[in-house]
Amino acid sequence: MPEWDEATEQEAGARAFWSGTITFGLVSIPVALYAANRSTRVSLRMVSPEGTPLARRYFTSRDDRELDADEIVRGYEIEKDRFVIVDDDELERLAPERTRDIDLRQFVPASDIDPMYFERAYYLTPAGQSTKAYRLLARVMEDTGRAGIATFVMRTKEYLVAIIAEKGILRAETLRFADELRTPETVGLPEPAKPDAAQVRRMDREIGKRVEQKLNLKELKDESAERIDRLVRKKVRSGEDVVRPEEGVEPPSDVIDLMEILKRRLQGVQDDDAPAGAADSADADLRDRSKAELYERAKELDIPGRSAMSKDELARAIRRSA
């Protein structure tokens, strides 16, 4: 999801990074959106031998000229090395109408949705003073085994989601579009052959030796990340290859207790650190501006490294400097 990245979600801290209303028929349920997962994988950043983080620069491939942010445009490649330029104004005119509604279009059996369509999971929490309608929708959907198919718009992009109820909580799963999935035929897999009955029995016995009553979550661990973590800890203890980081680097924000927020919202308690509304007007204003406008603002604030920043990086730097 291009503009809905993990950095945005983590920077949002304890605040919902989107809020709106589930609507269908005469039903209207205010909700807030939180990421249901966070990355704990080891991230190795590119730095100089002295420990200074490196910045990305863009150069033209023909004359090796560095480009400023306002010189970079988007191009749709229609054939090799031939592009159609599409500017920000044109993209904005093509963008869907901005709305705070999660338009719930239909209910389908949850079992009919192939897990291959699921992309990322998000929690929907009650955002209004009353949780009655939220609880009722979650209960009926869970009892009937149905999922809601809905669309909503965030940052000029429309997302397709499946809304699923589980243990009294609504979850939104962003969906891949049908033409994004590959079929066994397009991959080139052969037609499955019917296995021999004796082979089936042997396979069944081997599987039976490893059957457990429930999934052990301890098995779902990133062993590669643990090995890197042990290596880093060993080097820290010995002082080997430890370099001084760049001064002024901000520490990461605290990890939020999402389940505690969910519990408080379902009890009708509004968290002071997690307002029911969207991000404040200043944040909304930055999100609505084009990259060129953000770059000009960054220039006024004399933000270093602005020419190599993406739109989201420019917005974050402006928020820190304002």
Protein backbone atom coordinates (compact mmCIF):
# COMPACT_ATOMS: atom_id res chain seq x y z
CA MET A 1 0.00 0.00 0.00
CA PRO A 2 2.02 2.92 -1.28
CA GLU A 3 1.16 5.76 1.13
CA TRP A 4 -0.04 3.68 4.04
CA ASP A 5 3.27 2.41 5.36
CA GLU A 6 4.54 1.09 8.69
CA ALA A 7 6.42 4.32 9.42
CA THR A 8 3.15 6.23 9.25
CA GLU A 9 1.44 3.77 11.57
CA GLN A 10 4.26 3.71 14.11
CA GLU A 11 4.58 7.51 14.09
CA ALA A 12 0.86 7.79 14.87
CA GLY A 13 1.67 6.40 18.33
CA ALA A 14 -1.43 5.81 20.43
CA ARG A 15 -3.65 7.74 18.02
CA ALA A 16 -5.82 6.18 15.37
CA PHE A 17 -4.32 7.08 12.00
CA TRP A 18 -7.76 7.14 10.34
CA SER A 19 -11.32 7.54 11.57
CA GLY A 20 -14.66 7.49 9.86
CA THR A 21 -18.07 5.85 9.84
CA ILE A 22 -19.28 2.40 8.77
CA THR A 23 -22.42 3.05 6.75
CA PHE A 24 -25.04 0.82 5.14
CA GLY A 25 -28.74 1.50 4.82
CA LEU A 26 -29.81 3.56 7.81
CA VAL A 27 -26.92 2.26 9.94
CA SER A 28 -24.07 4.61 10.86
CA ILE A 29 -21.26 3.47 13.22
CA PRO A 30 -18.29 5.76 14.03
CA VAL A 31 -15.01 3.83 14.10
CA ALA A 32 -11.27 4.43 14.35
CA LEU A 33 -8.60 2.42 12.55
CA TYR A 34 -5.49 0.89 14.13
CA ALA A 35 -2.87 -1.40 12.63
CA ALA A 36 -3.34 -4.95 13.92
CA ASN A 37 0.27 -5.89 13.31
CA ARG A 38 3.67 -4.27 13.68
CA SER A 39 7.03 -5.21 12.31
CA THR A 40 9.56 -6.59 14.81
CA ARG A 41 12.00 -7.72 12.18
CA VAL A 42 15.60 -6.60 12.37
CA SER A 43 16.19 -3.53 10.22
CA LEU A 44 19.75 -2.91 9.06
CA ARG A 45 20.16 0.70 7.99
CA MET A 46 22.68 1.88 5.43
CA VAL A 47 25.32 4.05 7.18
CA SER A 48 28.82 5.32 6.58
CA PRO A 49 31.77 3.59 8.34
CA GLU A 50 31.55 6.39 10.94
CA GLY A 51 27.89 5.65 11.64
CA THR A 52 26.26 8.52 9.77
CA PRO A 53 22.95 7.46 8.13
CA LEU A 54 23.02 7.71 4.35
CA ALA A 55 20.50 9.73 2.34
CA ARG A 56 19.02 8.72 -0.99
CA ARG A 57 19.76 10.89 -4.01
CA TYR A 58 18.29 10.71 -7.51
CA PHE A 59 20.45 11.14 -10.61
CA THR A 60 19.61 11.11 -14.31
CA SER A 61 20.94 7.99 -16.01
CA ARG A 62 22.21 9.89 -19.06
CA ASP A 63 24.24 12.79 -17.68
CA ASP A 64 24.53 11.76 -14.02
CA ARG A 65 22.89 15.00 -12.86
CA GLU A 66 21.40 15.14 -9.34
CA LEU A 67 17.75 16.16 -9.23
CA ASP A 68 15.95 18.24 -6.63
CA ALA A 69 12.60 17.00 -5.36
CA ASP A 70 10.65 19.52 -7.45
CA GLU A 71 12.33 18.23 -10.63
CA ILE A 72 11.09 14.66 -10.16
CA VAL A 73 7.87 13.75 -11.98
CA ARG A 74 5.93 10.52 -12.49
CA GLY A 75 5.92 8.64 -15.77
CA TYR A 76 3.86 5.70 -17.05
CA GLU A 77 6.03 3.47 -19.24
CA ILE A 78 4.11 2.56 -22.40
CA GLU A 79 7.10 0.83 -23.97
CA LYS A 80 10.80 0.53 -23.16
CA ASP A 81 12.25 4.00 -22.41
CA ARG A 82 9.06 5.75 -23.58
CA PHE A 83 6.89 7.38 -20.91
CA VAL A 84 3.72 9.38 -20.55
CA ILE A 85 4.17 12.07 -17.88
CA VAL A 86 1.35 12.35 -15.33
CA ASP A 87 1.55 15.33 -12.97
CA ASP A 88 0.17 15.76 -9.46
CA ASP A 89 -2.75 17.93 -10.57
CA GLU A 90 -3.91 15.29 -13.03
CA LEU A 91 -3.68 12.58 -10.38
CA GLU A 92 -5.65 14.72 -7.95
CA ARG A 93 -8.43 15.17 -10.51
CA LEU A 94 -8.58 11.39 -10.98
CA ALA A 95 -8.63 10.71 -7.23
CA PRO A 96 -11.88 9.41 -5.70
CA GLU A 97 -14.11 11.77 -3.76
CA ARG A 98 -12.80 12.28 -0.26
CA THR A 99 -15.15 10.91 2.34
CA ARG A 100 -15.06 9.58 5.89
CA ASP A 101 -17.47 6.74 5.13
CA ILE A 102 -16.63 3.05 5.05
CA ASP A 103 -19.22 2.11 2.45
CA LEU A 104 -20.33 -1.41 3.42
CA ARG A 105 -21.74 -2.72 0.14
CA GLN A 106 -22.59 -6.36 0.82
CA PHE A 107 -22.39 -9.21 3.31
CA VAL A 108 -21.00 -12.57 2.20
CA PRO A 109 -20.08 -15.82 3.95
CA ALA A 110 -16.67 -15.21 5.52
CA SER A 111 -15.60 -18.69 4.41
CA ASP A 112 -16.06 -17.65 0.76
CA ILE A 113 -13.15 -15.19 0.94
CA ASP A 114 -9.94 -16.94 -0.06
CA PRO A 115 -7.13 -16.00 2.41
CA MET A 116 -4.97 -15.24 -0.66
CA TYR A 117 -6.96 -12.02 -1.04
CA PHE A 118 -6.00 -10.78 2.42
CA GLU A 119 -3.22 -8.21 2.44
CA ARG A 120 -3.02 -6.47 5.85
CA ALA A 121 -5.11 -6.50 9.02
CA TYR A 122 -6.45 -3.50 10.94
CA TYR A 123 -8.65 -3.17 14.02
CA LEU A 124 -11.82 -1.09 13.88
CA THR A 125 -12.63 0.35 17.30
CA PRO A 126 -15.72 2.28 18.42
CA ALA A 127 -15.10 6.02 18.02
CA GLY A 128 -18.35 7.48 19.36
CA GLN A 129 -19.67 7.82 22.89
CA SER A 130 -21.95 4.79 22.46
CA THR A 131 -20.73 1.30 21.54
CA LYS A 132 -24.18 -0.29 21.21
CA ALA A 133 -24.37 -0.28 17.40
CA TYR A 134 -20.75 -1.49 17.13
CA ARG A 135 -21.39 -4.39 19.50
CA LEU A 136 -24.62 -5.32 17.73
CA LEU A 137 -23.00 -5.40 14.29
CA ALA A 138 -20.06 -7.47 15.55
CA ARG A 139 -22.41 -9.93 17.30
CA VAL A 140 -24.70 -10.47 14.31
CA MET A 141 -21.80 -10.84 11.86
CA GLU A 142 -20.01 -13.31 14.11
CA ASP A 143 -23.15 -15.37 14.80
CA THR A 144 -24.01 -15.60 11.10
CA GLY A 145 -20.44 -16.17 9.92
CA ARG A 146 -20.68 -13.27 7.49
CA ALA A 147 -18.10 -10.72 6.40
CA GLY A 148 -18.79 -7.26 5.02
CA ILE A 149 -17.22 -6.09 1.78
CA ALA A 150 -16.59 -2.35 1.87
CA THR A 151 -14.59 0.49 0.35
CA PHE A 152 -13.20 3.66 1.88
CA VAL A 153 -10.92 6.48 0.82
CA MET A 154 -7.76 7.57 2.58
CA ARG A 155 -5.21 10.03 1.22
CA THR A 156 -6.76 10.15 -2.25
CA LYS A 157 -6.70 6.36 -2.63
CA GLU A 158 -9.64 3.97 -2.44
CA TYR A 159 -9.18 0.72 -0.53
CA LEU A 160 -11.20 -2.47 -0.71
CA VAL A 161 -11.62 -4.26 2.62
CA ALA A 162 -13.35 -7.24 4.18
CA ILE A 163 -14.79 -6.47 7.62
CA ILE A 164 -14.72 -9.53 9.88
CA ALA A 165 -16.05 -9.95 13.41
CA GLU A 166 -14.16 -12.06 15.93
CA LYS A 167 -14.64 -12.21 19.70
CA GLY A 168 -16.78 -9.08 19.63
CA ILE A 169 -14.20 -6.99 17.75
CA LEU A 170 -14.36 -5.83 14.13
CA ARG A 171 -11.30 -6.27 11.97
CA ALA A 172 -10.71 -4.83 8.50
CA GLU A 173 -8.60 -6.87 6.10
CA THR A 174 -7.43 -4.94 3.07
CA LEU A 175 -8.01 -7.05 -0.02
CA ARG A 176 -5.98 -7.62 -3.14
CA PHE A 177 -7.88 -7.12 -6.35
CA ALA A 178 -8.92 -10.19 -8.35
CA ASP A 179 -6.49 -9.50 -11.20
CA GLU A 180 -3.56 -9.37 -8.76
CA LEU A 181 -3.75 -13.09 -7.97
CA ARG A 182 -2.08 -15.70 -10.12
CA THR A 183 -3.78 -19.01 -10.85
CA PRO A 184 -2.05 -22.40 -10.87
CA GLU A 185 -2.46 -22.37 -14.65
CA THR A 186 -0.63 -19.06 -15.10
CA VAL A 187 2.19 -20.30 -12.88
CA GLY A 188 2.47 -23.39 -15.08
CA LEU A 189 1.63 -26.04 -12.51
CA PRO A 190 0.73 -29.43 -14.00
CA GLU A 191 -2.65 -31.08 -13.52
CA PRO A 192 -2.66 -32.92 -10.18
CA ALA A 193 -2.38 -36.69 -10.54
CA LYS A 194 -4.44 -39.04 -8.40
CA PRO A 195 -2.13 -40.55 -5.75
CA ASP A 196 -1.91 -44.25 -4.96
CA ALA A 197 -4.10 -45.37 -2.02
CA ALA A 198 -1.14 -46.90 -0.19
CA GLN A 199 0.82 -43.67 -0.52
CA VAL A 200 -2.13 -41.75 0.87
CA ARG A 201 -2.21 -44.01 3.95
CA ARG A 202 1.54 -43.59 4.52
CA MET A 203 1.28 -39.83 4.21
CA ASP A 204 -1.66 -39.80 6.62
CA ARG A 205 0.39 -41.73 9.20
CA GLU A 206 3.33 -39.32 8.89
CA ILE A 207 1.04 -36.34 9.34
CA GLY A 208 -0.65 -38.01 12.29
CA LYS A 209 2.68 -38.23 14.14
CA ARG A 210 2.93 -34.46 14.14
CA VAL A 211 -0.66 -33.42 14.80
CA GLU A 212 -1.16 -30.97 17.71
CA GLN A 213 -4.42 -29.94 19.34
CA LYS A 214 -3.70 -26.23 18.86
CA LEU A 215 -1.16 -23.97 17.23
CA ASN A 216 1.83 -23.23 19.45
CA LEU A 217 2.52 -19.52 18.92
CA LYS A 218 6.08 -20.00 20.14
CA GLU A 219 6.74 -21.73 16.83
CA LEU A 220 5.92 -18.49 15.00
CA LYS A 221 9.22 -16.76 15.62
CA ASP A 222 11.75 -15.12 13.34
CA GLU A 223 14.86 -17.22 13.91
CA SER A 224 16.87 -15.18 11.39
CA ALA A 225 16.15 -11.97 13.32
CA GLU A 226 17.12 -13.68 16.59
CA ARG A 227 20.48 -14.71 15.12
CA ILE A 228 21.18 -11.14 13.99
CA ASP A 229 20.09 -9.83 17.41
CA ARG A 230 22.51 -12.20 19.18
CA LEU A 231 25.33 -11.10 16.87
CA VAL A 232 24.63 -7.42 17.58
CA ARG A 233 24.45 -7.99 21.34
CA LYS A 234 27.74 -9.85 21.24
CA LYS A 235 29.40 -6.97 19.36
CA VAL A 236 27.96 -4.43 21.81
CA ARG A 237 29.38 -6.34 24.78
CA SER A 238 32.83 -6.57 23.19
CA GLY A 239 32.78 -3.08 21.70
CA GLU A 240 33.54 -4.50 18.27
CA ASP A 241 32.35 -2.44 15.26
CA VAL A 242 30.35 -0.05 17.48
CA VAL A 243 30.26 3.44 15.96
CA ARG A 244 28.82 6.69 17.29
CA PRO A 245 25.39 7.46 15.77
CA GLU A 246 24.59 10.80 14.24
CA GLU A 247 23.74 13.43 16.85
CA GLY A 248 20.13 14.50 17.12
CA VAL A 249 18.58 11.20 15.98
CA GLU A 250 15.21 10.83 17.67
CA PRO A 251 14.45 7.56 19.50
CA PRO A 252 11.51 5.49 18.23
CA SER A 253 8.12 6.19 19.77
CA ASP A 254 6.81 3.90 22.50
CA VAL A 255 4.93 0.79 21.41
CA ILE A 256 1.25 1.16 22.19
CA ASP A 257 -0.93 -1.33 24.03
CA LEU A 258 -3.54 -1.75 21.31
CA MET A 259 -5.61 -4.31 23.19
CA GLU A 260 -5.92 -1.91 26.14
CA ILE A 261 -7.23 0.77 23.76
CA LEU A 262 -9.73 -1.71 22.33
CA LYS A 263 -10.90 -2.67 25.80
CA ARG A 264 -11.37 0.96 26.83
CA ARG A 265 -13.25 1.82 23.65
CA LEU A 266 -15.62 -1.16 24.01
CA GLN A 267 -16.31 -0.01 27.57
CA GLY A 268 -17.19 3.42 26.23
CA VAL A 269 -14.09 5.09 27.70
CA GLN A 270 -12.40 7.67 25.46
CA ASP A 271 -8.61 7.66 25.84
CA ASP A 272 -7.07 11.13 26.11
CA ASP A 273 -4.05 9.88 24.16
CA ALA A 274 -6.23 8.23 21.52
CA PRO A 275 -8.86 10.72 20.39
CA ALA A 276 -11.85 9.38 18.52
CA GLY A 277 -11.46 11.89 15.71
CA ALA A 278 -8.92 11.90 12.93
CA ALA A 279 -5.44 13.34 13.30
CA ASP A 280 -5.41 17.05 14.05
CA SER A 281 -6.01 19.62 11.35
CA ALA A 282 -2.30 20.37 10.91
CA ASP A 283 -1.55 16.72 10.11
CA ALA A 284 -4.54 16.57 7.76
CA ASP A 285 -3.33 19.71 5.99
CA LEU A 286 0.11 18.18 5.41
CA ARG A 287 -1.38 14.97 4.04
CA ASP A 288 -3.54 16.92 1.60
CA ARG A 289 -0.65 18.90 0.12
CA SER A 290 1.34 17.81 -2.92
CA LYS A 291 4.98 16.79 -2.68
CA ALA A 292 6.06 20.03 -4.36
CA GLU A 293 4.18 22.10 -1.78
CA LEU A 294 5.73 20.12 1.07
CA TYR A 295 9.17 20.61 -0.47
CA GLU A 296 8.67 24.39 -0.59
CA ARG A 297 7.61 24.36 3.06
CA ALA A 298 10.68 22.28 3.94
CA LYS A 299 12.84 24.80 2.08
CA GLU A 300 11.34 27.64 4.15
CA LEU A 301 12.16 25.71 7.33
CA ASP A 302 15.67 24.96 6.00
CA ILE A 303 15.23 21.22 6.61
CA PRO A 304 18.46 19.42 5.67
CA GLY A 305 18.31 16.57 3.16
CA ARG A 306 14.90 17.67 1.86
CA SER A 307 15.75 17.10 -1.81
CA ALA A 308 16.08 13.34 -1.19
CA MET A 309 12.93 12.94 0.91
CA SER A 310 9.71 11.26 -0.15
CA LYS A 311 6.36 12.98 0.39
CA ASP A 312 5.79 11.18 3.71
CA GLU A 313 9.35 11.95 4.87
CA LEU A 314 8.85 15.63 4.05
CA ALA A 315 5.59 15.71 6.05
CA ARG A 316 7.24 14.06 9.06
CA ALA A 317 10.21 16.44 8.94
CA ILE A 318 7.89 19.47 8.74
CA ARG A 319 5.87 18.24 11.72
CA ARG A 320 9.07 17.88 13.77
CA SER A 321 10.33 21.33 12.77
CA ALA A 322 7.07 23.26 13.07
